[in-house]
Amino acid sequence: MTGPIRFGVIGGSGVYQMDTLSDVEEVELDTPFGKPSDAYIVGTLHGQRVAFLARHGRGHRISPTRLNQRANIYGFKMLGVEYLIAVSACGSLQERLRPGDIVIPDQIFDRTRLRGLSFFDDPDVGTDGLVVHVSVAHPFCDFLSDVCHRAVEQTDATAHLGGSFVTIEGPRFSTKAESIAFRQLGMDIIGMTTTPEAFLAREAEMSYACMAHVTDYDVWHETEEAVTVEAVIRMLMHNAQVAVEAVANAIELLADSGPSPHADALRDALITDKKAVPPEVVDRLELIVGKYFDR
C-alpha cells in the first residue's frame, strides 16, 4: 500500500463488499482503540484509492451496540482518509420516504445509551486528561452530502436531500409506541449505527455523509406490515447494487476535491490547558490532536 487514501466507505447491512474496486488488497490494522470490524479493503476506483470497511464485519457478525466504532474510524484516519461515505439501512418514519428511496440526512437525534461516543472519554485506552468539546450542530458535511445526493440522482433511485436520522440502541426494532413518538418529534428515518459514527468522524476531522437506504416503514404504518428481518433483507438486496453504483458516482465526483472542509474541526474544541495534558495521551491520539501541540 503506497500513499494516503483520501476516500473511505463504510458498508452497512447488505453492503459487505465493493466489486467495483480494482487492484484490491486487504489491510489489517490495530488501533489504540482495538481492532476494527474487519480488514479494510483498499482498491482503485475512478483513478482514486479508496478504503472500504464492512461495518458489521463480512457476514454481518457484530451487533450495532457492540461495534467498535472508535477503532473503525481511527483505522480510516490511519489510512489517511479525509472523506468518509457511510451506507446505512434505515426505516422510514414519514409516508413520503418510501422503501427503496435513499435519504441523505442532515441531522441526527441520538437515542443510544450504551456506546462510547468520543475518542476522548475511553478509560481503557487512557485518554483521560484531554477534554474536547467538538461542534456537531451540523453533524454531516454539507459538501459531501451534496455530492452523495448528486451521486444517487445519477442512479435510478429516488433521492432525498436532508432529514433527521434518529439512532436507537438496537439490536431490537422499535415498539409501535416508540415509532409513533419519533414521528411526532419530527424524525424522518430511524437506524442503529449513525451514532457515534458521525461524531467520531468529526473528531477525526473527516468529512462524513450518509446514504441511508430505506428498507421499510418501521412499525408505525397502519397499512404496511411491521418491519421484519425477512422484509429488510429483501429490500437490502434490492438496494445493494444501487448503493455500490452511487458510491462509485460519488468517488468520481470527489476526484478533484480539495482538503476536507472539517480538517480543522478540533482547532477551537480542545478546552484543556495544553500544558496540563499528559504527553502519553497526546502520543496515543497523535493522528487526531498532534498538530495542535508543540512537540
C-alpha atoms as a PDB file:
ATOM      1  CA  MET A   1       0.000   0.000   0.000  1.00  0.00           C
ATOM      2  CA  THR A   2       1.507   3.324  -1.063  1.00  0.00           C
ATOM      3  CA  GLY A   3       0.482   6.842  -0.068  1.00  0.00           C
ATOM      4  CA  PRO A   4      -2.571   8.110   1.807  1.00  0.00           C
ATOM      5  CA  ILE A   5      -6.059   7.048   0.849  1.00  0.00           C
ATOM      6  CA  ARG A   6      -8.312  10.120   0.798  1.00  0.00           C
ATOM      7  CA  PHE A   7     -11.663   8.382   0.370  1.00  0.00           C
ATOM      8  CA  GLY A   8     -13.330   5.853   2.634  1.00  0.00           C
ATOM      9  CA  VAL A   9     -16.590   3.906   2.504  1.00  0.00           C
ATOM     10  CA  ILE A  10     -18.389   2.133   5.337  1.00  0.00           C
ATOM     11  CA  GLY A  11     -20.752  -0.544   4.076  1.00  0.00           C
ATOM     12  CA  GLY A  12     -23.845  -1.156   6.147  1.00  0.00           C
ATOM     13  CA  SER A  13     -26.335  -4.013   6.245  1.00  0.00           C
ATOM     14  CA  GLY A  14     -26.342  -5.773   2.883  1.00  0.00           C
ATOM     15  CA  VAL A  15     -23.244  -3.979   1.557  1.00  0.00           C
ATOM     16  CA  TYR A  16     -20.278  -6.107   2.571  1.00  0.00           C
ATOM     17  CA  GLN A  17     -18.023  -5.607  -0.437  1.00  0.00           C
ATOM     18  CA  MET A  18     -17.389  -3.305  -3.406  1.00  0.00           C
ATOM     19  CA  ASP A  19     -16.890  -5.260  -6.613  1.00  0.00           C
ATOM     20  CA  THR A  20     -16.172  -2.004  -8.451  1.00  0.00           C
ATOM     21  CA  LEU A  21     -12.696  -1.753  -6.852  1.00  0.00           C
ATOM     22  CA  SER A  22      -9.631  -2.862  -8.800  1.00  0.00           C
ATOM     23  CA  ASP A  23      -6.051  -3.539  -7.638  1.00  0.00           C
ATOM     24  CA  VAL A  24      -7.508  -4.748  -4.360  1.00  0.00           C
ATOM     25  CA  GLU A  25      -5.602  -5.543  -1.190  1.00  0.00           C
ATOM     26  CA  GLU A  26      -6.710  -6.277   2.368  1.00  0.00           C
ATOM     27  CA  VAL A  27      -5.215  -4.177   5.149  1.00  0.00           C
ATOM     28  CA  GLU A  28      -5.387  -5.416   8.744  1.00  0.00           C
ATOM     29  CA  LEU A  29      -4.969  -2.653  11.315  1.00  0.00           C
ATOM     30  CA  ASP A  30      -4.562  -2.404  15.063  1.00  0.00           C
ATOM     31  CA  THR A  31      -5.576   0.928  16.560  1.00  0.00           C
ATOM     32  CA  PRO A  32      -5.188   2.414  20.049  1.00  0.00           C
ATOM     33  CA  PHE A  33      -8.872   1.512  20.453  1.00  0.00           C
ATOM     34  CA  GLY A  34      -8.561  -2.115  19.402  1.00  0.00           C
ATOM     35  CA  LYS A  35      -9.415  -3.977  16.219  1.00  0.00           C
ATOM     36  CA  PRO A  36     -11.840  -2.599  13.617  1.00  0.00           C
ATOM     37  CA  SER A  37     -14.811  -4.671  12.481  1.00  0.00           C
ATOM     38  CA  ASP A  38     -12.838  -6.330   9.674  1.00  0.00           C
ATOM     39  CA  ALA A  39      -9.901  -5.818   7.346  1.00  0.00           C
ATOM     40  CA  TYR A  40     -10.025  -2.678   5.200  1.00  0.00           C
ATOM     41  CA  ILE A  41     -10.413  -3.462   1.517  1.00  0.00           C
ATOM     42  CA  VAL A  42      -8.233  -0.981  -0.360  1.00  0.00           C
ATOM     43  CA  GLY A  43      -8.532  -0.590  -4.116  1.00  0.00           C
ATOM     44  CA  THR A  44      -8.769   1.802  -7.027  1.00  0.00           C
ATOM     45  CA  LEU A  45     -11.983   3.378  -8.301  1.00  0.00           C
ATOM     46  CA  HIS A  46     -12.095   6.090 -10.971  1.00  0.00           C
ATOM     47  CA  GLY A  47      -8.360   6.534 -10.538  1.00  0.00           C
ATOM     48  CA  GLN A  48      -8.686   7.147  -6.783  1.00  0.00           C
ATOM     49  CA  ARG A  49      -7.503   4.928  -3.957  1.00  0.00           C
ATOM     50  CA  VAL A  50     -10.459   4.001  -1.764  1.00  0.00           C
ATOM     51  CA  ALA A  51     -10.697   2.116   1.549  1.00  0.00           C
ATOM     52  CA  PHE A  52     -13.826   0.042   2.232  1.00  0.00           C
ATOM     53  CA  LEU A  53     -14.884  -1.433   5.566  1.00  0.00           C
ATOM     54  CA  ALA A  54     -17.842  -3.714   6.263  1.00  0.00           C
ATOM     55  CA  ARG A  55     -19.307  -2.031   9.344  1.00  0.00           C
ATOM     56  CA  HIS A  56     -20.666  -5.230  10.884  1.00  0.00           C
ATOM     57  CA  GLY A  57     -17.866  -7.416   9.507  1.00  0.00           C
ATOM     58  CA  ARG A  58     -18.250  -9.619   6.473  1.00  0.00           C
ATOM     59  CA  GLY A  59     -21.123 -11.986   7.149  1.00  0.00           C
ATOM     60  CA  HIS A  60     -22.773  -9.421   9.477  1.00  0.00           C
ATOM     61  CA  ARG A  61     -21.217 -10.739  12.682  1.00  0.00           C
ATOM     62  CA  ILE A  62     -21.299  -7.718  15.030  1.00  0.00           C
ATOM     63  CA  SER A  63     -24.387  -6.246  16.682  1.00  0.00           C
ATOM     64  CA  PRO A  64     -24.861  -2.441  16.413  1.00  0.00           C
ATOM     65  CA  THR A  65     -24.174  -1.778  20.096  1.00  0.00           C
ATOM     66  CA  ARG A  66     -21.052  -3.986  20.039  1.00  0.00           C
ATOM     67  CA  LEU A  67     -19.412  -2.273  17.084  1.00  0.00           C
ATOM     68  CA  ASN A  68     -16.001  -0.855  17.896  1.00  0.00           C
ATOM     69  CA  GLN A  69     -16.768   2.396  16.145  1.00  0.00           C
ATOM     70  CA  ARG A  70     -13.751   4.157  17.642  1.00  0.00           C
ATOM     71  CA  ALA A  71     -11.444   1.582  16.055  1.00  0.00           C
ATOM     72  CA  ASN A  72     -13.341   1.700  12.750  1.00  0.00           C
ATOM     73  CA  ILE A  73     -12.996   5.474  12.379  1.00  0.00           C
ATOM     74  CA  TYR A  74      -9.465   5.631  13.768  1.00  0.00           C
ATOM     75  CA  GLY A  75      -8.441   2.976  11.249  1.00  0.00           C
ATOM     76  CA  PHE A  76      -9.692   5.158   8.409  1.00  0.00           C
ATOM     77  CA  LYS A  77      -7.670   8.016   9.911  1.00  0.00           C
ATOM     78  CA  MET A  78      -4.569   5.817   9.940  1.00  0.00           C
ATOM     79  CA  LEU A  79      -5.059   5.216   6.221  1.00  0.00           C
ATOM     80  CA  GLY A  80      -5.260   8.957   5.544  1.00  0.00           C
ATOM     81  CA  VAL A  81      -8.989   9.193   4.794  1.00  0.00           C
ATOM     82  CA  GLU A  82     -10.423  12.723   4.551  1.00  0.00           C
ATOM     83  CA  TYR A  83     -13.837  11.983   3.035  1.00  0.00           C
ATOM     84  CA  LEU A  84     -15.919   9.179   4.532  1.00  0.00           C
ATOM     85  CA  ILE A  85     -19.159   7.937   2.971  1.00  0.00           C
ATOM     86  CA  ALA A  86     -21.410   5.750   5.096  1.00  0.00           C
ATOM     87  CA  VAL A  87     -24.007   3.411   3.622  1.00  0.00           C
ATOM     88  CA  SER A  88     -26.741   2.530   6.104  1.00  0.00           C
ATOM     89  CA  ALA A  89     -30.066   0.746   6.164  1.00  0.00           C
ATOM     90  CA  CYS A  90     -32.922   2.654   7.786  1.00  0.00           C
ATOM     91  CA  GLY A  91     -36.626   2.612   8.429  1.00  0.00           C
ATOM     92  CA  SER A  92     -38.891   5.402   7.230  1.00  0.00           C
ATOM     93  CA  LEU A  93     -40.924   7.444   9.702  1.00  0.00           C
ATOM     94  CA  GLN A  94     -42.644   9.520   7.025  1.00  0.00           C
ATOM     95  CA  GLU A  95     -45.057   8.467   4.277  1.00  0.00           C
ATOM     96  CA  ARG A  96     -43.146  10.366   1.581  1.00  0.00           C
ATOM     97  CA  LEU A  97     -39.947   8.368   2.201  1.00  0.00           C
ATOM     98  CA  ARG A  98     -40.722   5.041   0.596  1.00  0.00           C
ATOM     99  CA  PRO A  99     -38.894   1.708   0.771  1.00  0.00           C
ATOM    100  CA  GLY A 100     -36.259   1.776  -1.948  1.00  0.00           C
ATOM    101  CA  ASP A 101     -35.648   5.526  -1.597  1.00  0.00           C
ATOM    102  CA  ILE A 102     -32.296   6.879  -0.424  1.00  0.00           C
ATOM    103  CA  VAL A 103     -32.098   9.698   2.118  1.00  0.00           C
ATOM    104  CA  ILE A 104     -29.030  11.889   2.620  1.00  0.00           C
ATOM    105  CA  PRO A 105     -29.745  13.105   6.183  1.00  0.00           C
ATOM    106  CA  ASP A 106     -28.561  16.415   7.590  1.00  0.00           C
ATOM    107  CA  GLN A 107     -29.381  15.880  11.280  1.00  0.00           C
ATOM    108  CA  ILE A 108     -29.034  13.203  13.965  1.00  0.00           C
ATOM    109  CA  PHE A 109     -31.170  12.585  17.036  1.00  0.00           C
ATOM    110  CA  ASP A 110     -29.256  10.322  19.410  1.00  0.00           C
ATOM    111  CA  ARG A 111     -31.273   7.793  21.431  1.00  0.00           C
ATOM    112  CA  THR A 112     -28.405   5.416  22.219  1.00  0.00           C
ATOM    113  CA  ARG A 113     -27.237   4.888  25.793  1.00  0.00           C
ATOM    114  CA  LEU A 114     -24.613   2.119  25.887  1.00  0.00           C
ATOM    115  CA  ARG A 115     -21.921   3.359  23.495  1.00  0.00           C
ATOM    116  CA  GLY A 116     -18.687   5.274  23.754  1.00  0.00           C
ATOM    117  CA  LEU A 117     -19.304   8.492  21.877  1.00  0.00           C
ATOM    118  CA  SER A 118     -15.861  10.064  21.760  1.00  0.00           C
ATOM    119  CA  PHE A 119     -12.173   9.317  21.302  1.00  0.00           C
ATOM    120  CA  PHE A 120     -11.575  11.449  24.392  1.00  0.00           C
ATOM    121  CA  ASP A 121     -13.512   9.517  27.042  1.00  0.00           C
ATOM    122  CA  ASP A 122     -12.136   5.984  26.836  1.00  0.00           C
ATOM    123  CA  PRO A 123     -10.600   4.950  30.203  1.00  0.00           C
ATOM    124  CA  ASP A 124      -9.497   1.593  28.775  1.00  0.00           C
ATOM    125  CA  VAL A 125      -7.246   3.346  26.270  1.00  0.00           C
ATOM    126  CA  GLY A 126      -6.123   6.035  28.674  1.00  0.00           C
ATOM    127  CA  THR A 127      -7.346   9.247  27.084  1.00  0.00           C
ATOM    128  CA  ASP A 128      -8.228  10.976  30.365  1.00  0.00           C
ATOM    129  CA  GLY A 129      -6.602  14.360  30.785  1.00  0.00           C
ATOM    130  CA  LEU A 130      -7.721  15.893  27.497  1.00  0.00           C
ATOM    131  CA  VAL A 131     -11.245  17.305  27.303  1.00  0.00           C
ATOM    132  CA  VAL A 132     -12.597  18.132  23.856  1.00  0.00           C
ATOM    133  CA  HIS A 133     -15.986  19.679  23.022  1.00  0.00           C
ATOM    134  CA  VAL A 134     -16.353  19.341  19.264  1.00  0.00           C
ATOM    135  CA  SER A 135     -19.160  21.174  17.461  1.00  0.00           C
ATOM    136  CA  VAL A 136     -21.726  18.874  15.853  1.00  0.00           C
ATOM    137  CA  ALA A 137     -24.590  21.302  15.357  1.00  0.00           C
ATOM    138  CA  HIS A 138     -24.414  20.138  11.750  1.00  0.00           C
ATOM    139  CA  PRO A 139     -23.208  16.538  12.148  1.00  0.00           C
ATOM    140  CA  PHE A 140     -22.954  15.755   8.431  1.00  0.00           C
ATOM    141  CA  CYS A 141     -20.677  17.543   5.974  1.00  0.00           C
ATOM    142  CA  ASP A 142     -22.800  19.744   3.707  1.00  0.00           C
ATOM    143  CA  PHE A 143     -20.343  19.484   0.832  1.00  0.00           C
ATOM    144  CA  LEU A 144     -20.081  15.695   0.945  1.00  0.00           C
ATOM    145  CA  SER A 145     -23.844  15.320   1.459  1.00  0.00           C
ATOM    146  CA  ASP A 146     -24.463  17.337  -1.706  1.00  0.00           C
ATOM    147  CA  VAL A 147     -22.001  15.117  -3.591  1.00  0.00           C
ATOM    148  CA  CYS A 148     -23.771  11.992  -2.303  1.00  0.00           C
ATOM    149  CA  HIS A 149     -27.152  13.376  -3.302  1.00  0.00           C
ATOM    150  CA  ARG A 150     -25.963  14.065  -6.841  1.00  0.00           C
ATOM    151  CA  ALA A 151     -24.364  10.616  -6.956  1.00  0.00           C
ATOM    152  CA  VAL A 152     -27.644   8.920  -6.017  1.00  0.00           C
ATOM    153  CA  GLU A 153     -29.561  11.025  -8.535  1.00  0.00           C
ATOM    154  CA  GLN A 154     -27.329   9.567 -11.250  1.00  0.00           C
ATOM    155  CA  THR A 155     -28.820   6.139 -10.491  1.00  0.00           C
ATOM    156  CA  ASP A 156     -32.476   5.190 -10.944  1.00  0.00           C
ATOM    157  CA  ALA A 157     -33.171   5.536  -7.211  1.00  0.00           C
ATOM    158  CA  THR A 158     -35.250   8.318  -5.665  1.00  0.00           C
ATOM    159  CA  ALA A 159     -33.013  10.608  -3.606  1.00  0.00           C
ATOM    160  CA  HIS A 160     -33.952  12.951  -0.756  1.00  0.00           C
ATOM    161  CA  LEU A 161     -31.505  15.590   0.475  1.00  0.00           C
ATOM    162  CA  GLY A 162     -31.997  16.405   4.157  1.00  0.00           C
ATOM    163  CA  GLY A 163     -33.800  14.729   7.022  1.00  0.00           C
ATOM    164  CA  SER A 164     -33.417  13.887  10.698  1.00  0.00           C
ATOM    165  CA  PHE A 165     -31.961  10.448  11.422  1.00  0.00           C
ATOM    166  CA  VAL A 166     -32.787   9.053  14.876  1.00  0.00           C
ATOM    167  CA  THR A 167     -30.304   6.426  16.109  1.00  0.00           C
ATOM    168  CA  ILE A 168     -31.655   3.821  18.514  1.00  0.00           C
ATOM    169  CA  GLU A 169     -29.643   1.329  20.523  1.00  0.00           C
ATOM    170  CA  GLY A 170     -30.839  -1.896  18.962  1.00  0.00           C
ATOM    171  CA  PRO A 171     -30.474  -4.675  18.186  1.00  0.00           C
ATOM    172  CA  ARG A 172     -34.251  -4.931  18.504  1.00  0.00           C
ATOM    173  CA  PHE A 173     -36.597  -2.934  16.290  1.00  0.00           C
ATOM    174  CA  SER A 174     -38.841  -0.224  17.774  1.00  0.00           C
ATOM    175  CA  THR A 175     -42.116  -0.740  19.577  1.00  0.00           C
ATOM    176  CA  LYS A 176     -45.092   0.868  17.895  1.00  0.00           C
ATOM    177  CA  ALA A 177     -45.320   3.482  20.673  1.00  0.00           C
ATOM    178  CA  GLU A 178     -41.666   4.425  20.146  1.00  0.00           C
ATOM    179  CA  SER A 179     -42.086   4.624  16.396  1.00  0.00           C
ATOM    180  CA  ILE A 180     -45.135   6.885  16.699  1.00  0.00           C
ATOM    181  CA  ALA A 181     -43.319   9.076  19.233  1.00  0.00           C
ATOM    182  CA  PHE A 182     -40.365   9.550  16.885  1.00  0.00           C
ATOM    183  CA  ARG A 183     -42.790  10.587  14.140  1.00  0.00           C
ATOM    184  CA  GLN A 184     -44.388  13.120  16.476  1.00  0.00           C
ATOM    185  CA  LEU A 185     -40.930  14.507  17.263  1.00  0.00           C
ATOM    186  CA  GLY A 186     -40.417  15.161  13.561  1.00  0.00           C
ATOM    187  CA  MET A 187     -37.871  12.428  12.849  1.00  0.00           C
ATOM    188  CA  ASP A 188     -37.649  11.207   9.258  1.00  0.00           C
ATOM    189  CA  ILE A 189     -35.669   7.955   9.337  1.00  0.00           C
ATOM    190  CA  ILE A 190     -34.511   5.517  12.001  1.00  0.00           C
ATOM    191  CA  GLY A 191     -31.456   3.277  12.295  1.00  0.00           C
ATOM    192  CA  MET A 192     -28.888   1.859  14.701  1.00  0.00           C
ATOM    193  CA  THR A 193     -25.377   2.916  13.660  1.00  0.00           C
ATOM    194  CA  THR A 194     -25.021   6.580  12.660  1.00  0.00           C
ATOM    195  CA  THR A 195     -24.289   7.407  16.315  1.00  0.00           C
ATOM    196  CA  PRO A 196     -21.439   7.620  17.208  1.00  0.00           C
ATOM    197  CA  GLU A 197     -20.002   7.170  13.708  1.00  0.00           C
ATOM    198  CA  ALA A 198     -20.726  10.747  12.597  1.00  0.00           C
ATOM    199  CA  PHE A 199     -19.421  12.274  15.841  1.00  0.00           C
ATOM    200  CA  LEU A 200     -16.203  10.266  15.753  1.00  0.00           C
ATOM    201  CA  ALA A 201     -15.622  11.254  12.129  1.00  0.00           C
ATOM    202  CA  ARG A 202     -15.929  14.908  13.141  1.00  0.00           C
ATOM    203  CA  GLU A 203     -13.441  14.395  15.991  1.00  0.00           C
ATOM    204  CA  ALA A 204     -11.126  12.783  13.434  1.00  0.00           C
ATOM    205  CA  GLU A 205     -11.566  15.910  11.265  1.00  0.00           C
ATOM    206  CA  MET A 206     -13.100  13.995   8.366  1.00  0.00           C
ATOM    207  CA  SER A 207     -15.963  14.958   6.110  1.00  0.00           C
ATOM    208  CA  TYR A 208     -18.767  12.469   6.739  1.00  0.00           C
ATOM    209  CA  ALA A 209     -22.059  11.891   4.937  1.00  0.00           C
ATOM    210  CA  CYS A 210     -24.566   9.058   4.875  1.00  0.00           C
ATOM    211  CA  MET A 211     -26.516   7.348   2.117  1.00  0.00           C
ATOM    212  CA  ALA A 212     -29.418   5.927   4.118  1.00  0.00           C
ATOM    213  CA  HIS A 213     -31.349   3.254   2.197  1.00  0.00           C
ATOM    214  CA  VAL A 214     -34.981   2.953   3.258  1.00  0.00           C
ATOM    215  CA  THR A 215     -35.955  -0.692   3.750  1.00  0.00           C
ATOM    216  CA  ASP A 216     -39.336  -0.396   5.474  1.00  0.00           C
ATOM    217  CA  TYR A 217     -41.866   1.839   7.238  1.00  0.00           C
ATOM    218  CA  ASP A 218     -40.700   0.789  10.705  1.00  0.00           C
ATOM    219  CA  VAL A 219     -43.818  -0.217  12.726  1.00  0.00           C
ATOM    220  CA  TRP A 220     -45.916   2.972  12.782  1.00  0.00           C
ATOM    221  CA  HIS A 221     -47.609   2.453   9.416  1.00  0.00           C
ATOM    222  CA  GLU A 222     -51.200   1.210   9.710  1.00  0.00           C
ATOM    223  CA  THR A 223     -51.475  -0.340   6.219  1.00  0.00           C
ATOM    224  CA  GLU A 224     -47.968  -1.828   5.914  1.00  0.00           C
ATOM    225  CA  GLU A 225     -46.699  -4.926   7.664  1.00  0.00           C
ATOM    226  CA  ALA A 226     -44.473  -4.368  10.691  1.00  0.00           C
ATOM    227  CA  VAL A 227     -40.767  -4.488   9.950  1.00  0.00           C
ATOM    228  CA  THR A 228     -39.226  -7.973   9.909  1.00  0.00           C
ATOM    229  CA  VAL A 229     -35.725  -9.235   9.185  1.00  0.00           C
ATOM    230  CA  GLU A 230     -37.059 -11.046   6.113  1.00  0.00           C
ATOM    231  CA  ALA A 231     -38.569  -7.845   4.691  1.00  0.00           C
ATOM    232  CA  VAL A 232     -35.448  -5.840   5.464  1.00  0.00           C
ATOM    233  CA  ILE A 233     -33.159  -8.373   3.781  1.00  0.00           C
ATOM    234  CA  ARG A 234     -35.377  -8.480   0.701  1.00  0.00           C
ATOM    235  CA  MET A 235     -35.143  -4.703   0.307  1.00  0.00           C
ATOM    236  CA  LEU A 236     -31.425  -4.689   1.183  1.00  0.00           C
ATOM    237  CA  MET A 237     -30.713  -6.984  -1.728  1.00  0.00           C
ATOM    238  CA  HIS A 238     -32.628  -4.614  -3.988  1.00  0.00           C
ATOM    239  CA  ASN A 239     -30.717  -1.609  -2.647  1.00  0.00           C
ATOM    240  CA  ALA A 240     -27.211  -3.093  -2.545  1.00  0.00           C
ATOM    241  CA  GLN A 241     -26.377  -2.624  -6.214  1.00  0.00           C
ATOM    242  CA  VAL A 242     -27.775   0.906  -6.145  1.00  0.00           C
ATOM    243  CA  ALA A 243     -25.554   1.656  -3.145  1.00  0.00           C
ATOM    244  CA  VAL A 244     -22.402   0.431  -4.893  1.00  0.00           C
ATOM    245  CA  GLU A 245     -23.256   2.395  -8.043  1.00  0.00           C
ATOM    246  CA  ALA A 246     -23.983   5.569  -6.065  1.00  0.00           C
ATOM    247  CA  VAL A 247     -20.719   5.294  -4.132  1.00  0.00           C
ATOM    248  CA  ALA A 248     -18.800   4.897  -7.397  1.00  0.00           C
ATOM    249  CA  ASN A 249     -20.502   8.021  -8.736  1.00  0.00           C
ATOM    250  CA  ALA A 250     -19.579   9.916  -5.568  1.00  0.00           C
ATOM    251  CA  ILE A 251     -15.903   8.946  -5.802  1.00  0.00           C
ATOM    252  CA  GLU A 252     -15.824  10.183  -9.386  1.00  0.00           C
ATOM    253  CA  LEU A 253     -17.391  13.496  -8.322  1.00  0.00           C
ATOM    254  CA  LEU A 254     -14.869  13.832  -5.478  1.00  0.00           C
ATOM    255  CA  ALA A 255     -11.789  13.126  -7.579  1.00  0.00           C
ATOM    256  CA  ASP A 256     -10.669  16.766  -7.779  1.00  0.00           C
ATOM    257  CA  SER A 257     -11.861  17.844  -4.325  1.00  0.00           C
ATOM    258  CA  GLY A 258      -9.599  19.840  -2.021  1.00  0.00           C
ATOM    259  CA  PRO A 259      -8.955  19.185   1.670  1.00  0.00           C
ATOM    260  CA  SER A 260     -11.877  18.215   3.873  1.00  0.00           C
ATOM    261  CA  PRO A 261     -13.948  21.227   4.988  1.00  0.00           C
ATOM    262  CA  HIS A 262     -13.644  19.797   8.515  1.00  0.00           C
ATOM    263  CA  ALA A 263      -9.848  19.407   8.506  1.00  0.00           C
ATOM    264  CA  ASP A 264      -9.583  21.825  11.454  1.00  0.00           C
ATOM    265  CA  ALA A 265     -12.668  20.732  13.400  1.00  0.00           C
ATOM    266  CA  LEU A 266     -10.748  20.483  16.674  1.00  0.00           C
ATOM    267  CA  ARG A 267      -8.964  23.831  16.447  1.00  0.00           C
ATOM    268  CA  ASP A 268     -11.328  25.523  18.923  1.00  0.00           C
ATOM    269  CA  ALA A 269     -12.547  22.340  20.621  1.00  0.00           C
ATOM    270  CA  LEU A 270      -9.612  21.491  22.929  1.00  0.00           C
ATOM    271  CA  ILE A 271     -10.545  23.075  26.258  1.00  0.00           C
ATOM    272  CA  THR A 272      -7.838  21.584  28.492  1.00  0.00           C
ATOM    273  CA  ASP A 273      -4.741  23.702  29.125  1.00  0.00           C
ATOM    274  CA  LYS A 274      -2.255  22.123  26.732  1.00  0.00           C
ATOM    275  CA  LYS A 275       0.479  22.229  29.348  1.00  0.00           C
ATOM    276  CA  ALA A 276      -1.715  20.039  31.582  1.00  0.00           C
ATOM    277  CA  VAL A 277      -2.337  17.312  29.007  1.00  0.00           C
ATOM    278  CA  PRO A 278      -0.291  14.173  29.765  1.00  0.00           C
ATOM    279  CA  PRO A 279       2.246  13.611  26.969  1.00  0.00           C
ATOM    280  CA  GLU A 280       1.239   9.951  26.702  1.00  0.00           C
ATOM    281  CA  VAL A 281      -2.336  10.999  25.831  1.00  0.00           C
ATOM    282  CA  VAL A 282      -1.060  13.190  23.006  1.00  0.00           C
ATOM    283  CA  ASP A 283       1.074  10.277  21.825  1.00  0.00           C
ATOM    284  CA  ARG A 284      -1.898   7.910  21.768  1.00  0.00           C
ATOM    285  CA  LEU A 285      -4.040  10.393  19.839  1.00  0.00           C
ATOM    286  CA  GLU A 286      -1.230  11.786  17.690  1.00  0.00           C
ATOM    287  CA  LEU A 287      -3.117  11.332  14.427  1.00  0.00           C
ATOM    288  CA  ILE A 288      -6.029  13.416  15.702  1.00  0.00           C
ATOM    289  CA  VAL A 289      -4.543  16.049  18.004  1.00  0.00           C
ATOM    290  CA  GLY A 290      -0.798  16.008  17.402  1.00  0.00           C
ATOM    291  CA  LYS A 291      -0.826  19.062  15.137  1.00  0.00           C
ATOM    292  CA  TYR A 292      -2.302  21.181  17.948  1.00  0.00           C
ATOM    293  CA  PHE A 293       0.607  20.545  20.315  1.00  0.00           C
ATOM    294  CA  ASP A 294       4.171  21.803  20.195  1.00  0.00           C
ATOM    295  CA  ARG A 295       6.323  18.665  20.446  1.00  0.00           C
END
